[in-house]
Structures are given as C-alpha cells and as structure tokens.
C-alpha atoms as a PDB file:
ATOM      1  CA  MET A   1       0.000   0.000   0.000  1.00  0.00           C
ATOM      2  CA  PRO A   2       2.780   2.524   0.719  1.00  0.00           C
ATOM      3  CA  ALA A   3       4.234   1.932  -2.772  1.00  0.00           C
ATOM      4  CA  ALA A   4       0.812   2.470  -4.358  1.00  0.00           C
ATOM      5  CA  ALA A   5       0.393   5.735  -2.448  1.00  0.00           C
ATOM      6  CA  VAL A   6       3.804   6.973  -3.613  1.00  0.00           C
ATOM      7  CA  MET A   7       3.033   6.023  -7.215  1.00  0.00           C
ATOM      8  CA  SER A   8      -0.277   7.874  -7.042  1.00  0.00           C
ATOM      9  CA  GLN A   9       1.490  11.012  -5.852  1.00  0.00           C
ATOM     10  CA  VAL A  10       4.224  10.690  -8.492  1.00  0.00           C
ATOM     11  CA  ARG A  11       1.638  10.137 -11.239  1.00  0.00           C
ATOM     12  CA  ASN A  12      -0.286  13.256 -10.251  1.00  0.00           C
ATOM     13  CA  MET A  13       2.897  15.353 -10.119  1.00  0.00           C
ATOM     14  CA  LEU A  14       3.890  13.988 -13.531  1.00  0.00           C
ATOM     15  CA  ARG A  15       0.553  14.996 -15.056  1.00  0.00           C
ATOM     16  CA  ALA A  16       1.071  18.562 -13.907  1.00  0.00           C
ATOM     17  CA  LEU A  17       4.665  18.719 -15.147  1.00  0.00           C
ATOM     18  CA  PHE A  18       3.982  17.155 -18.552  1.00  0.00           C
ATOM     19  CA  SER A  19       1.181  19.530 -19.487  1.00  0.00           C
ATOM     20  CA  ASP A  20       3.557  21.427 -21.810  1.00  0.00           C
ATOM     21  CA  ARG A  21       3.930  19.038 -24.725  1.00  0.00           C
ATOM     22  CA  ARG A  22       7.058  20.727 -26.040  1.00  0.00           C
ATOM     23  CA  THR A  23       9.166  20.053 -22.970  1.00  0.00           C
ATOM     24  CA  PRO A  24      11.592  17.149 -23.557  1.00  0.00           C
ATOM     25  CA  PRO A  25      10.781  14.070 -21.454  1.00  0.00           C
ATOM     26  CA  SER A  26      14.206  14.347 -19.774  1.00  0.00           C
ATOM     27  CA  ASP A  27      13.374  17.840 -18.464  1.00  0.00           C
ATOM     28  CA  VAL A  28      10.038  16.584 -17.150  1.00  0.00           C
ATOM     29  CA  LEU A  29      11.718  13.691 -15.309  1.00  0.00           C
ATOM     30  CA  ARG A  30      14.430  15.965 -13.922  1.00  0.00           C
ATOM     31  CA  GLN A  31      11.794  18.337 -12.507  1.00  0.00           C
ATOM     32  CA  LEU A  32       9.750  15.401 -11.218  1.00  0.00           C
ATOM     33  CA  ASP A  33      12.843  14.049  -9.459  1.00  0.00           C
ATOM     34  CA  VAL A  34      13.454  17.408  -7.773  1.00  0.00           C
ATOM     35  CA  THR A  35       9.777  17.584  -6.761  1.00  0.00           C
ATOM     36  CA  VAL A  36       9.816  14.029  -5.363  1.00  0.00           C
ATOM     37  CA  ALA A  37      13.038  14.762  -3.441  1.00  0.00           C
ATOM     38  CA  ALA A  38      11.348  17.770  -1.811  1.00  0.00           C
ATOM     39  CA  GLY A  39       8.438  15.583  -0.678  1.00  0.00           C
ATOM     40  CA  PRO A  40       7.664  14.352   2.825  1.00  0.00           C
ATOM     41  CA  GLY A  41       9.676  11.123   2.721  1.00  0.00           C
ATOM     42  CA  PRO A  42      11.993   8.980   0.630  1.00  0.00           C
ATOM     43  CA  ALA A  43      10.449   7.719  -2.593  1.00  0.00           C
ATOM     44  CA  VAL A  44      12.535   5.674  -5.000  1.00  0.00           C
ATOM     45  CA  THR A  45      10.601   4.712  -8.105  1.00  0.00           C
ATOM     46  CA  THR A  46      11.132   4.001 -11.767  1.00  0.00           C
ATOM     47  CA  VAL A  47       9.325   6.053 -14.401  1.00  0.00           C
ATOM     48  CA  LEU A  48       9.249   6.184 -18.178  1.00  0.00           C
ATOM     49  CA  VAL A  49       7.874   9.277 -19.901  1.00  0.00           C
ATOM     50  CA  ALA A  50       7.119   8.991 -23.612  1.00  0.00           C
ATOM     51  CA  ARG A  51       5.587  11.144 -26.285  1.00  0.00           C
ATOM     52  CA  VAL A  52       4.677  10.217 -29.866  1.00  0.00           C
ATOM     53  CA  GLU A  53       5.523  12.920 -32.399  1.00  0.00           C
ATOM     54  CA  PRO A  54       4.530  13.014 -36.084  1.00  0.00           C
ATOM     55  CA  GLY A  55       7.258  12.651 -38.701  1.00  0.00           C
ATOM     56  CA  LYS A  56       7.030  13.087 -42.472  1.00  0.00           C
ATOM     57  CA  GLU A  57       5.895   9.545 -43.243  1.00  0.00           C
ATOM     58  CA  ASP A  58       6.358   7.875 -39.890  1.00  0.00           C
ATOM     59  CA  TRP A  59       6.139   8.530 -36.163  1.00  0.00           C
ATOM     60  CA  VAL A  60       8.841   9.377 -33.643  1.00  0.00           C
ATOM     61  CA  LEU A  61       8.740   7.936 -30.161  1.00  0.00           C
ATOM     62  CA  HIS A  62      10.535  10.388 -27.854  1.00  0.00           C
ATOM     63  CA  TRP A  63      11.136   8.987 -24.372  1.00  0.00           C
ATOM     64  CA  CYS A  64      13.210   9.196 -21.244  1.00  0.00           C
ATOM     65  CA  SER A  65      13.532   6.584 -18.538  1.00  0.00           C
ATOM     66  CA  ALA A  66      14.371   6.879 -14.865  1.00  0.00           C
ATOM     67  CA  GLY A  67      15.456   3.279 -14.306  1.00  0.00           C
ATOM     68  CA  HIS A  68      12.385   1.823 -16.008  1.00  0.00           C
ATOM     69  CA  LEU A  69      12.162  -1.179 -18.327  1.00  0.00           C
ATOM     70  CA  PRO A  70      12.365  -0.395 -22.064  1.00  0.00           C
ATOM     71  CA  PRO A  71       9.312  -0.004 -24.286  1.00  0.00           C
ATOM     72  CA  LEU A  72       8.206  -3.097 -26.174  1.00  0.00           C
ATOM     73  CA  VAL A  73       7.421  -2.465 -29.839  1.00  0.00           C
ATOM     74  CA  ILE A  74       5.478  -4.727 -32.143  1.00  0.00           C
ATOM     75  CA  MET A  75       6.120  -3.813 -35.744  1.00  0.00           C
ATOM     76  CA  PRO A  76       3.369  -3.956 -38.385  1.00  0.00           C
ATOM     77  CA  ASP A  77       4.815  -7.257 -39.664  1.00  0.00           C
ATOM     78  CA  GLY A  78       4.452  -8.793 -36.165  1.00  0.00           C
ATOM     79  CA  GLN A  79       8.112  -8.719 -35.135  1.00  0.00           C
ATOM     80  CA  ALA A  80       8.527  -7.708 -31.512  1.00  0.00           C
ATOM     81  CA  GLY A  81      11.488  -6.286 -29.650  1.00  0.00           C
ATOM     82  CA  TYR A  82      12.560  -3.811 -27.008  1.00  0.00           C
ATOM     83  CA  LEU A  83      13.837  -0.290 -27.558  1.00  0.00           C
ATOM     84  CA  LEU A  84      17.001  -0.749 -25.553  1.00  0.00           C
ATOM     85  CA  HIS A  85      18.369   2.465 -24.125  1.00  0.00           C
ATOM     86  CA  GLU A  86      20.340   4.033 -21.301  1.00  0.00           C
ATOM     87  CA  PRO A  87      17.690   3.889 -18.571  1.00  0.00           C
ATOM     88  CA  GLY A  88      19.076   6.495 -16.191  1.00  0.00           C
ATOM     89  CA  VAL A  89      18.636   6.056 -12.457  1.00  0.00           C
ATOM     90  CA  PRO A  90      15.322   5.789 -10.601  1.00  0.00           C
ATOM     91  CA  LEU A  91      13.698   8.902  -9.181  1.00  0.00           C
ATOM     92  CA  GLY A  92      14.712   9.578  -5.613  1.00  0.00           C
ATOM     93  CA  VAL A  93      18.343   8.463  -6.031  1.00  0.00           C
ATOM     94  CA  ASP A  94      20.047  11.702  -7.103  1.00  0.00           C
ATOM     95  CA  PRO A  95      18.259  14.470  -9.032  1.00  0.00           C
ATOM     96  CA  ALA A  96      21.626  15.774 -10.277  1.00  0.00           C
ATOM     97  CA  LEU A  97      22.338  12.633 -12.335  1.00  0.00           C
ATOM     98  CA  PRO A  98      21.524  12.907 -16.052  1.00  0.00           C
ATOM     99  CA  CYS A  99      18.415  11.351 -17.569  1.00  0.00           C
ATOM    100  CA  PRO A 100      19.000  10.994 -21.334  1.00  0.00           C
ATOM    101  CA  ASP A 101      16.338  11.472 -23.989  1.00  0.00           C
ATOM    102  CA  HIS A 102      15.879   8.857 -26.708  1.00  0.00           C
ATOM    103  CA  ARG A 103      14.144   8.965 -30.073  1.00  0.00           C
ATOM    104  CA  ARG A 104      13.169   6.194 -32.447  1.00  0.00           C
ATOM    105  CA  ARG A 105      11.369   6.433 -35.758  1.00  0.00           C
ATOM    106  CA  LEU A 106       8.514   3.952 -36.026  1.00  0.00           C
ATOM    107  CA  PRO A 107       6.355   3.117 -39.036  1.00  0.00           C
ATOM    108  CA  PRO A 108       2.569   3.551 -39.004  1.00  0.00           C
ATOM    109  CA  GLY A 109       0.830   0.517 -37.508  1.00  0.00           C
ATOM    110  CA  THR A 110       3.544  -0.114 -34.924  1.00  0.00           C
ATOM    111  CA  THR A 111       2.279  -0.905 -31.437  1.00  0.00           C
ATOM    112  CA  VAL A 112       4.184   0.557 -28.480  1.00  0.00           C
ATOM    113  CA  VAL A 113       3.727  -1.251 -25.159  1.00  0.00           C
ATOM    114  CA  LEU A 114       4.798   0.222 -21.817  1.00  0.00           C
ATOM    115  CA  PHE A 115       4.580  -1.983 -18.736  1.00  0.00           C
ATOM    116  CA  THR A 116       5.620  -2.298 -15.123  1.00  0.00           C
ATOM    117  CA  ASP A 117       8.174  -4.856 -13.979  1.00  0.00           C
ATOM    118  CA  GLY A 118       5.449  -6.993 -12.376  1.00  0.00           C
ATOM    119  CA  LEU A 119       4.555  -8.210 -15.859  1.00  0.00           C
ATOM    120  CA  ALA A 120       7.976  -9.853 -16.319  1.00  0.00           C
ATOM    121  CA  GLU A 121       9.375 -10.269 -12.802  1.00  0.00           C
ATOM    122  CA  HIS A 122       9.491 -13.703 -11.171  1.00  0.00           C
ATOM    123  CA  PRO A 123      11.701 -14.827  -8.263  1.00  0.00           C
ATOM    124  CA  ALA A 124      12.599 -18.055 -10.095  1.00  0.00           C
ATOM    125  CA  HIS A 125      14.336 -16.314 -13.013  1.00  0.00           C
ATOM    126  CA  SER A 126      16.110 -13.108 -13.977  1.00  0.00           C
ATOM    127  CA  ILE A 127      14.261 -10.053 -15.239  1.00  0.00           C
ATOM    128  CA  ASP A 128      15.986 -10.586 -18.611  1.00  0.00           C
ATOM    129  CA  GLU A 129      14.489 -14.078 -18.847  1.00  0.00           C
ATOM    130  CA  GLY A 130      11.085 -12.652 -17.956  1.00  0.00           C
ATOM    131  CA  MET A 131      11.385  -9.974 -20.621  1.00  0.00           C
ATOM    132  CA  ASP A 132      12.434 -12.588 -23.194  1.00  0.00           C
ATOM    133  CA  ALA A 133       9.396 -14.677 -22.218  1.00  0.00           C
ATOM    134  CA  LEU A 134       7.153 -11.616 -22.617  1.00  0.00           C
ATOM    135  CA  LEU A 135       8.292 -11.357 -26.249  1.00  0.00           C
ATOM    136  CA  GLU A 136       6.722 -14.759 -27.047  1.00  0.00           C
ATOM    137  CA  PRO A 137       3.016 -13.824 -26.828  1.00  0.00           C
ATOM    138  CA  ALA A 138       3.507 -10.360 -28.379  1.00  0.00           C
ATOM    139  CA  PRO A 139       3.732 -11.417 -32.067  1.00  0.00           C
ATOM    140  CA  VAL A 140       1.062 -14.090 -31.585  1.00  0.00           C
ATOM    141  CA  HIS A 141      -1.471 -11.465 -30.482  1.00  0.00           C
ATOM    142  CA  ALA A 142      -0.102  -8.544 -32.549  1.00  0.00           C
ATOM    143  CA  GLU A 143      -3.119  -8.229 -34.844  1.00  0.00           C
ATOM    144  CA  LEU A 144      -5.662  -8.061 -32.027  1.00  0.00           C
ATOM    145  CA  PRO A 145      -7.297  -4.741 -31.209  1.00  0.00           C
ATOM    146  CA  VAL A 146      -5.083  -2.877 -28.712  1.00  0.00           C
ATOM    147  CA  GLU A 147      -7.369  -3.527 -25.734  1.00  0.00           C
ATOM    148  CA  ASP A 148      -7.387  -7.273 -26.463  1.00  0.00           C
ATOM    149  CA  LEU A 149      -3.610  -7.250 -26.955  1.00  0.00           C
ATOM    150  CA  VAL A 150      -3.156  -5.698 -23.501  1.00  0.00           C
ATOM    151  CA  HIS A 151      -5.398  -8.373 -21.973  1.00  0.00           C
ATOM    152  CA  ALA A 152      -3.515 -11.139 -23.814  1.00  0.00           C
ATOM    153  CA  LEU A 153      -0.136  -9.872 -22.577  1.00  0.00           C
ATOM    154  CA  ALA A 154      -1.480  -9.588 -19.022  1.00  0.00           C
ATOM    155  CA  ASP A 155      -3.026 -13.070 -19.207  1.00  0.00           C
ATOM    156  CA  HIS A 156       0.149 -14.708 -20.571  1.00  0.00           C
ATOM    157  CA  HIS A 157       2.754 -12.793 -18.584  1.00  0.00           C
ATOM    158  CA  PRO A 158       5.802 -14.601 -17.164  1.00  0.00           C
ATOM    159  CA  GLY A 159       5.646 -12.744 -13.829  1.00  0.00           C
ATOM    160  CA  ASP A 160       4.539 -14.376 -10.603  1.00  0.00           C
ATOM    161  CA  GLY A 161       1.621 -11.974 -10.070  1.00  0.00           C
ATOM    162  CA  ARG A 162       2.803 -10.716  -6.681  1.00  0.00           C
ATOM    163  CA  ASP A 163       4.034  -7.325  -7.924  1.00  0.00           C
ATOM    164  CA  ASP A 164       1.957  -4.558  -9.461  1.00  0.00           C
ATOM    165  CA  MET A 165       1.119  -4.999 -13.111  1.00  0.00           C
ATOM    166  CA  ALA A 166       0.217  -2.216 -15.488  1.00  0.00           C
ATOM    167  CA  VAL A 167       0.213  -2.377 -19.277  1.00  0.00           C
ATOM    168  CA  LEU A 168      -0.327   0.569 -21.604  1.00  0.00           C
ATOM    169  CA  ALA A 169      -0.362   0.105 -25.380  1.00  0.00           C
ATOM    170  CA  LEU A 170      -0.706   2.481 -28.296  1.00  0.00           C
ATOM    171  CA  ARG A 171      -1.026   1.515 -31.961  1.00  0.00           C
ATOM    172  CA  LEU A 172       0.328   4.250 -34.188  1.00  0.00           C
ATOM    173  CA  PRO A 173      -2.189   5.477 -36.788  1.00  0.00           C
ATOM    174  CA  ALA A 174      -1.704   4.945 -40.508  1.00  0.00           C
ATOM    175  CA  GLU A 175      -0.858   8.601 -41.133  1.00  0.00           C
ATOM    176  CA  ALA A 176       1.602  10.751 -39.215  1.00  0.00           C
END
C-alpha cells in the first residue's frame, strides 16, 4: 500500500509537469525528481515518460527513462522487440544525475507497449528471462485490437503476479 500511495502522488505530479507538450521528457523527469526529493519522505521509483511525435511519413517515439524497463514495440509485420536504451537512475536516487532522452522512428501501424516490472518479474528467473518470455506472446497477439492485446499480454505474462502490473499500449495510426 505505501508503494501504491507513492506512485499515485508521483503520477499526479507527472501529469502537472507534462502539461507542456514541447518540454523534452528528460526535463520533465528531472523536474519530477526534484519535486519528489522535496516531498515528505523517501520515494525511489522508476518512471518512463514517452511522447509520440509526427514525422514526415512515420512517427517518432521520444522517451526518457528513470530506471524503467524499455518499451516493447510490435512492428506492423508482427516482429517484436525492445527499444534498448540508457535507462538512467530511478527517481529519488540523485536528481543531479543525467536522464537521457531517446528517439526512435517507427512506421505507421507499430504498437508501443509500456509496462511495469510486475509483468515480467518472477523470483525463479532473472528479469531478462522474464522480458524474453514476454516477447513470445507479443507477435502471436499482434493483430488483435489494442485492448485485447493488452489483456492477452497480461493473461500470458511470465511474472509471478505478486508485484503490481500495469500495461499501456498504443497503436500508431496509418498517417503521421
């Protein structure tokens, strides 16, 4: 319950800070880290902030991570993989440490999936093994409507179900 309360506070602060859609995700996370550090007690948490921006014929995913797992992408042809990146350090560790921005061009029809570690985490195996196992159902269910895809990933997750699980997916429209 304490972790859920902290996440609720962080989420609300993030909403307020990310209202300006031109601010780079790294600046938002840096300000969020400073705000969290000024709060009533210690709060170490991972966060990933992402924004989808239109390109000429494609889309650009612009994101920054504070120690969070990488986004999962399912390409229009069904291939799935992670957007590996420098994840930075979790919020609450040291607001002075850099949080790098990342950008990746993605074709129309790509599905971007963000998720919490509870979806892949299991005490019997490493987080890398859990993430590899999460890649298995992704292409199988790639053509489902986004809501059904989220349910399929949650239903077939390799985690043990004891940690929080959240899954957010976005399918990029045909036109940028």
